[in-house]
Amino acid sequence: MKQPKAIYRVSFINQDKVYEVYCEQVYQSDLYGFIEIEELIFGERSQLLVDPGEERLKKEFSGVKRSFIPMHSITRIDEVEQEGVAKISESKGGPVIAFPASGPSKRP
C-alpha cells in the first residue's frame, strides 16, 4: 500500500506581504539560516473561476525548482491533508519579535 505524499503549507513574509504556498518538500538548508521548499503545488485550472492571487504566485514561482526562504521570515509550517489555494495577503503589521537564534559555538 503506497503512502500518500506529505503536503506542507508554508507561510512566510516577503516584502511586507504574507505568502502562503503549498509544497511537497520542506527542510533545513545547507545554507545557514534558510529553509528550502521544493515541488510547489498550485491548483489545476480546470475551473472557470481563476484566483488572481494564486495566478500571481504561480507566475512568480514559474520555473523555480527550489526556493530558499530565510528562517526568520517563516511564520508557520503545517503538514496538511490536501493543498489549498496559494495566496498573498497584506501583513497586519503587528509587533515583530526576533526568533532566538544561536550560531555555531566556539569550543574552548
N, C-alpha and C. Protein backbone atom coordinates (compact mmCIF):
# COMPACT_ATOMS: atom_id res chain seq x y z
N MET A 1 0.84 -1.18 0.00
CA MET A 1 0.00 0.00 0.00
C MET A 1 0.89 1.25 0.00
N LYS A 2 0.67 2.11 -0.95
CA LYS A 2 1.50 3.30 -1.12
C LYS A 2 1.07 4.41 -0.17
N GLN A 3 2.06 4.99 0.53
CA GLN A 3 1.80 6.10 1.43
C GLN A 3 1.51 7.37 0.61
N PRO A 4 0.49 8.14 0.99
CA PRO A 4 0.26 9.40 0.27
C PRO A 4 1.39 10.38 0.57
N LYS A 5 1.72 11.22 -0.41
CA LYS A 5 2.77 12.20 -0.22
C LYS A 5 2.34 13.25 0.80
N ALA A 6 3.30 13.68 1.60
CA ALA A 6 3.03 14.74 2.56
C ALA A 6 2.89 16.06 1.81
N ILE A 7 1.98 16.89 2.27
CA ILE A 7 1.78 18.22 1.70
C ILE A 7 1.95 19.22 2.84
N TYR A 8 2.73 20.26 2.58
CA TYR A 8 3.00 21.26 3.60
C TYR A 8 2.48 22.62 3.14
N ARG A 9 1.91 23.35 4.11
CA ARG A 9 1.51 24.74 3.88
C ARG A 9 2.57 25.60 4.59
N VAL A 10 3.24 26.44 3.83
CA VAL A 10 4.32 27.27 4.37
C VAL A 10 3.90 28.73 4.26
N SER A 11 3.89 29.41 5.40
CA SER A 11 3.57 30.84 5.42
C SER A 11 4.84 31.61 5.76
N PHE A 12 5.12 32.65 4.97
CA PHE A 12 6.30 33.47 5.23
C PHE A 12 6.05 34.89 4.77
N ILE A 13 6.85 35.80 5.31
CA ILE A 13 6.71 37.21 4.98
C ILE A 13 7.76 37.58 3.94
N ASN A 14 7.31 38.26 2.88
CA ASN A 14 8.19 38.71 1.81
C ASN A 14 7.74 40.11 1.41
N GLN A 15 8.59 41.10 1.62
CA GLN A 15 8.33 42.49 1.25
C GLN A 15 6.97 42.97 1.76
N ASP A 16 6.76 42.84 3.07
CA ASP A 16 5.55 43.29 3.77
C ASP A 16 4.27 42.60 3.32
N LYS A 17 4.39 41.43 2.71
CA LYS A 17 3.22 40.63 2.33
C LYS A 17 3.40 39.24 2.91
N VAL A 18 2.29 38.59 3.22
CA VAL A 18 2.32 37.23 3.74
C VAL A 18 2.04 36.28 2.58
N TYR A 19 3.00 35.42 2.28
CA TYR A 19 2.85 34.42 1.23
C TYR A 19 2.45 33.11 1.89
N GLU A 20 1.50 32.43 1.30
CA GLU A 20 1.09 31.10 1.76
C GLU A 20 1.15 30.17 0.56
N VAL A 21 2.07 29.23 0.58
CA VAL A 21 2.27 28.31 -0.53
C VAL A 21 2.18 26.87 -0.04
N TYR A 22 1.94 25.97 -0.97
CA TYR A 22 1.86 24.54 -0.68
C TYR A 22 2.97 23.84 -1.43
N CYS A 23 3.61 22.88 -0.76
CA CYS A 23 4.71 22.15 -1.39
C CYS A 23 4.79 20.74 -0.83
N GLU A 24 5.63 19.92 -1.47
CA GLU A 24 5.78 18.54 -1.05
C GLU A 24 7.06 18.31 -0.25
N GLN A 25 8.01 19.22 -0.31
CA GLN A 25 9.28 19.06 0.40
C GLN A 25 9.63 20.33 1.16
N VAL A 26 9.93 20.18 2.46
CA VAL A 26 10.40 21.29 3.29
C VAL A 26 11.52 20.75 4.16
N TYR A 27 12.65 21.44 4.16
CA TYR A 27 13.74 21.00 5.03
C TYR A 27 14.71 22.15 5.27
N GLN A 28 15.55 21.95 6.31
CA GLN A 28 16.57 22.94 6.62
C GLN A 28 17.65 22.88 5.56
N SER A 29 18.03 24.03 5.09
CA SER A 29 19.01 24.13 4.01
C SER A 29 20.43 23.96 4.53
N ASP A 30 21.33 23.61 3.63
CA ASP A 30 22.75 23.60 3.94
C ASP A 30 23.26 25.04 4.08
N LEU A 31 22.54 25.99 3.49
CA LEU A 31 22.86 27.40 3.66
C LEU A 31 22.35 27.81 5.04
N TYR A 32 23.23 28.22 5.91
CA TYR A 32 22.86 28.53 7.28
C TYR A 32 21.77 29.60 7.35
N GLY A 33 20.70 29.30 8.09
CA GLY A 33 19.63 30.27 8.30
C GLY A 33 18.52 30.25 7.26
N PHE A 34 18.52 29.25 6.38
CA PHE A 34 17.49 29.17 5.35
C PHE A 34 16.71 27.85 5.44
N ILE A 35 15.46 27.91 5.03
CA ILE A 35 14.60 26.74 4.87
C ILE A 35 14.40 26.57 3.37
N GLU A 36 14.48 25.34 2.88
CA GLU A 36 14.26 25.07 1.46
C GLU A 36 12.87 24.49 1.27
N ILE A 37 12.19 24.94 0.23
CA ILE A 37 10.92 24.34 -0.16
C ILE A 37 11.05 23.90 -1.62
N GLU A 38 10.51 22.74 -1.92
CA GLU A 38 10.57 22.18 -3.28
C GLU A 38 9.21 21.64 -3.67
N GLU A 39 9.05 21.44 -4.97
CA GLU A 39 7.84 20.84 -5.53
C GLU A 39 6.59 21.60 -5.10
N LEU A 40 6.58 22.89 -5.47
CA LEU A 40 5.42 23.73 -5.16
C LEU A 40 4.18 23.19 -5.84
N ILE A 41 3.05 23.32 -5.16
CA ILE A 41 1.77 22.79 -5.67
C ILE A 41 0.83 23.97 -5.92
N PHE A 42 0.30 24.03 -7.11
CA PHE A 42 -0.72 25.02 -7.45
C PHE A 42 -1.92 24.27 -7.99
N GLY A 43 -3.12 24.81 -7.75
CA GLY A 43 -4.35 24.16 -8.21
C GLY A 43 -4.43 24.07 -9.72
N GLU A 44 -5.16 23.10 -10.18
CA GLU A 44 -5.37 22.93 -11.62
C GLU A 44 -6.35 24.00 -12.11
N ARG A 45 -6.19 24.44 -13.29
CA ARG A 45 -7.04 25.50 -13.85
C ARG A 45 -8.18 24.93 -14.68
N SER A 46 -8.83 23.88 -14.18
CA SER A 46 -9.94 23.31 -14.93
C SER A 46 -11.26 24.03 -14.63
N GLN A 47 -11.24 24.90 -13.61
CA GLN A 47 -12.45 25.62 -13.26
C GLN A 47 -12.53 26.93 -14.03
N LEU A 48 -13.72 27.48 -14.10
CA LEU A 48 -13.90 28.77 -14.76
C LEU A 48 -13.41 29.92 -13.88
N LEU A 49 -13.51 29.75 -12.56
CA LEU A 49 -13.11 30.80 -11.63
C LEU A 49 -11.60 30.76 -11.43
N VAL A 50 -10.93 31.87 -11.67
CA VAL A 50 -9.48 31.95 -11.53
C VAL A 50 -9.17 32.90 -10.38
N ASP A 51 -8.34 32.47 -9.45
CA ASP A 51 -7.94 33.29 -8.32
C ASP A 51 -6.71 34.11 -8.73
N PRO A 52 -6.82 35.45 -8.78
CA PRO A 52 -5.69 36.26 -9.22
C PRO A 52 -4.47 36.15 -8.31
N GLY A 53 -4.68 35.95 -7.00
CA GLY A 53 -3.56 35.79 -6.06
C GLY A 53 -2.76 34.55 -6.36
N GLU A 54 -3.47 33.45 -6.60
CA GLU A 54 -2.78 32.20 -6.91
C GLU A 54 -2.08 32.29 -8.26
N GLU A 55 -2.71 32.94 -9.23
CA GLU A 55 -2.09 33.11 -10.54
C GLU A 55 -0.81 33.94 -10.44
N ARG A 56 -0.83 34.96 -9.57
CA ARG A 56 0.36 35.80 -9.38
C ARG A 56 1.49 34.98 -8.78
N LEU A 57 1.17 34.14 -7.79
CA LEU A 57 2.19 33.27 -7.18
C LEU A 57 2.72 32.25 -8.18
N LYS A 58 1.81 31.69 -8.94
CA LYS A 58 2.20 30.69 -9.94
C LYS A 58 3.17 31.31 -10.95
N LYS A 59 2.89 32.54 -11.34
CA LYS A 59 3.75 33.25 -12.29
C LYS A 59 5.10 33.58 -11.63
N GLU A 60 5.06 34.04 -10.38
CA GLU A 60 6.29 34.41 -9.67
C GLU A 60 7.21 33.21 -9.46
N PHE A 61 6.63 32.03 -9.19
CA PHE A 61 7.43 30.84 -8.94
C PHE A 61 7.57 29.94 -10.17
N SER A 62 7.15 30.42 -11.33
CA SER A 62 7.27 29.63 -12.55
C SER A 62 8.74 29.37 -12.85
N GLY A 63 9.07 28.14 -13.12
CA GLY A 63 10.45 27.77 -13.43
C GLY A 63 11.35 27.62 -12.21
N VAL A 64 10.81 27.81 -11.00
CA VAL A 64 11.61 27.69 -9.78
C VAL A 64 11.63 26.22 -9.36
N LYS A 65 12.82 25.66 -9.26
CA LYS A 65 12.98 24.28 -8.84
C LYS A 65 12.97 24.17 -7.31
N ARG A 66 13.64 25.12 -6.67
CA ARG A 66 13.79 25.11 -5.22
C ARG A 66 13.85 26.55 -4.76
N SER A 67 13.22 26.84 -3.62
CA SER A 67 13.24 28.20 -3.10
C SER A 67 13.87 28.18 -1.70
N PHE A 68 14.77 29.12 -1.45
CA PHE A 68 15.44 29.26 -0.16
C PHE A 68 14.80 30.44 0.56
N ILE A 69 14.18 30.18 1.70
CA ILE A 69 13.48 31.23 2.44
C ILE A 69 14.22 31.46 3.75
N PRO A 70 14.55 32.72 4.06
CA PRO A 70 15.23 32.99 5.32
C PRO A 70 14.38 32.49 6.50
N MET A 71 15.05 31.82 7.43
CA MET A 71 14.34 31.22 8.56
C MET A 71 13.53 32.25 9.35
N HIS A 72 14.05 33.46 9.49
CA HIS A 72 13.35 34.48 10.27
C HIS A 72 12.09 35.00 9.56
N SER A 73 11.93 34.69 8.27
CA SER A 73 10.72 35.11 7.53
C SER A 73 9.58 34.12 7.66
N ILE A 74 9.89 32.89 8.03
CA ILE A 74 8.86 31.85 8.16
C ILE A 74 7.99 32.16 9.36
N THR A 75 6.68 32.15 9.16
CA THR A 75 5.77 32.35 10.28
C THR A 75 5.12 31.04 10.72
N ARG A 76 5.01 30.09 9.78
CA ARG A 76 4.35 28.83 10.14
C ARG A 76 4.56 27.79 9.05
N ILE A 77 4.71 26.52 9.47
CA ILE A 77 4.76 25.40 8.54
C ILE A 77 3.81 24.34 9.09
N ASP A 78 2.85 23.94 8.27
CA ASP A 78 1.87 22.92 8.67
C ASP A 78 1.88 21.78 7.68
N GLU A 79 1.77 20.55 8.18
CA GLU A 79 1.53 19.41 7.29
C GLU A 79 0.02 19.28 7.19
N VAL A 80 -0.50 19.30 5.97
CA VAL A 80 -1.95 19.29 5.75
C VAL A 80 -2.35 18.06 4.94
N GLU A 81 -3.63 17.74 4.97
CA GLU A 81 -4.12 16.56 4.25
C GLU A 81 -4.24 16.80 2.75
N GLN A 82 -4.58 18.02 2.37
CA GLN A 82 -4.67 18.34 0.94
C GLN A 82 -4.33 19.81 0.75
N GLU A 83 -3.89 20.12 -0.48
CA GLU A 83 -3.49 21.50 -0.74
C GLU A 83 -4.72 22.40 -0.80
N GLY A 84 -4.46 23.66 -0.52
CA GLY A 84 -5.50 24.68 -0.63
C GLY A 84 -5.10 25.66 -1.70
N VAL A 85 -5.61 26.86 -1.60
CA VAL A 85 -5.31 27.90 -2.58
C VAL A 85 -4.11 28.70 -2.09
N ALA A 86 -3.06 28.75 -2.89
CA ALA A 86 -1.90 29.59 -2.57
C ALA A 86 -2.33 31.04 -2.66
N LYS A 87 -1.81 31.87 -1.76
CA LYS A 87 -2.26 33.27 -1.77
C LYS A 87 -1.21 34.21 -1.21
N ILE A 88 -1.41 35.48 -1.53
CA ILE A 88 -0.60 36.57 -0.98
C ILE A 88 -1.59 37.50 -0.28
N SER A 89 -1.29 37.86 0.95
CA SER A 89 -2.16 38.79 1.66
C SER A 89 -1.31 39.87 2.33
N GLU A 90 -1.96 40.94 2.71
CA GLU A 90 -1.27 42.05 3.36
C GLU A 90 -0.86 41.63 4.77
N SER A 91 0.32 42.06 5.17
CA SER A 91 0.78 41.82 6.54
C SER A 91 0.03 42.79 7.45
N LYS A 92 -0.36 42.32 8.61
CA LYS A 92 -1.12 43.15 9.54
C LYS A 92 -0.23 44.18 10.23
N GLY A 93 1.08 44.00 10.12
CA GLY A 93 2.00 44.99 10.69
C GLY A 93 2.07 44.95 12.20
N GLY A 94 1.83 43.80 12.79
CA GLY A 94 1.92 43.66 14.24
C GLY A 94 3.36 43.72 14.71
N PRO A 95 3.54 43.56 16.02
CA PRO A 95 4.91 43.63 16.54
C PRO A 95 5.76 42.49 16.00
N VAL A 96 6.98 42.80 15.67
CA VAL A 96 7.91 41.80 15.16
C VAL A 96 8.85 41.41 16.29
N ILE A 97 8.89 40.13 16.58
CA ILE A 97 9.75 39.63 17.64
C ILE A 97 10.77 38.69 17.00
N ALA A 98 12.03 38.97 17.22
CA ALA A 98 13.08 38.14 16.64
C ALA A 98 13.09 36.77 17.31
N PHE A 99 13.19 35.74 16.49
CA PHE A 99 13.29 34.39 17.00
C PHE A 99 14.68 34.20 17.58
N PRO A 100 14.79 33.64 18.79
CA PRO A 100 16.13 33.48 19.36
C PRO A 100 16.96 32.55 18.48
N ALA A 101 18.10 33.02 18.10
CA ALA A 101 18.97 32.24 17.22
C ALA A 101 20.30 32.00 17.92
N SER A 102 20.82 30.83 17.68
CA SER A 102 22.14 30.55 18.22
C SER A 102 23.04 30.15 17.07
N GLY A 103 24.15 30.77 17.00
CA GLY A 103 25.10 30.47 15.96
C GLY A 103 26.03 29.35 16.40
N PRO A 104 26.94 29.00 15.55
CA PRO A 104 27.92 27.98 15.94
C PRO A 104 28.70 28.44 17.15
N SER A 105 28.83 27.59 18.13
CA SER A 105 29.56 27.97 19.35
C SER A 105 31.02 27.57 19.24
N LYS A 106 31.86 28.38 19.85
CA LYS A 106 33.29 28.07 19.89
C LYS A 106 33.56 27.21 21.11
N ARG A 107 34.23 26.14 20.89
CA ARG A 107 34.57 25.26 22.00
C ARG A 107 35.93 25.65 22.54
N PRO A 108 36.09 25.65 23.87
CA PRO A 108 37.38 26.02 24.44
C PRO A 108 38.47 25.04 24.11
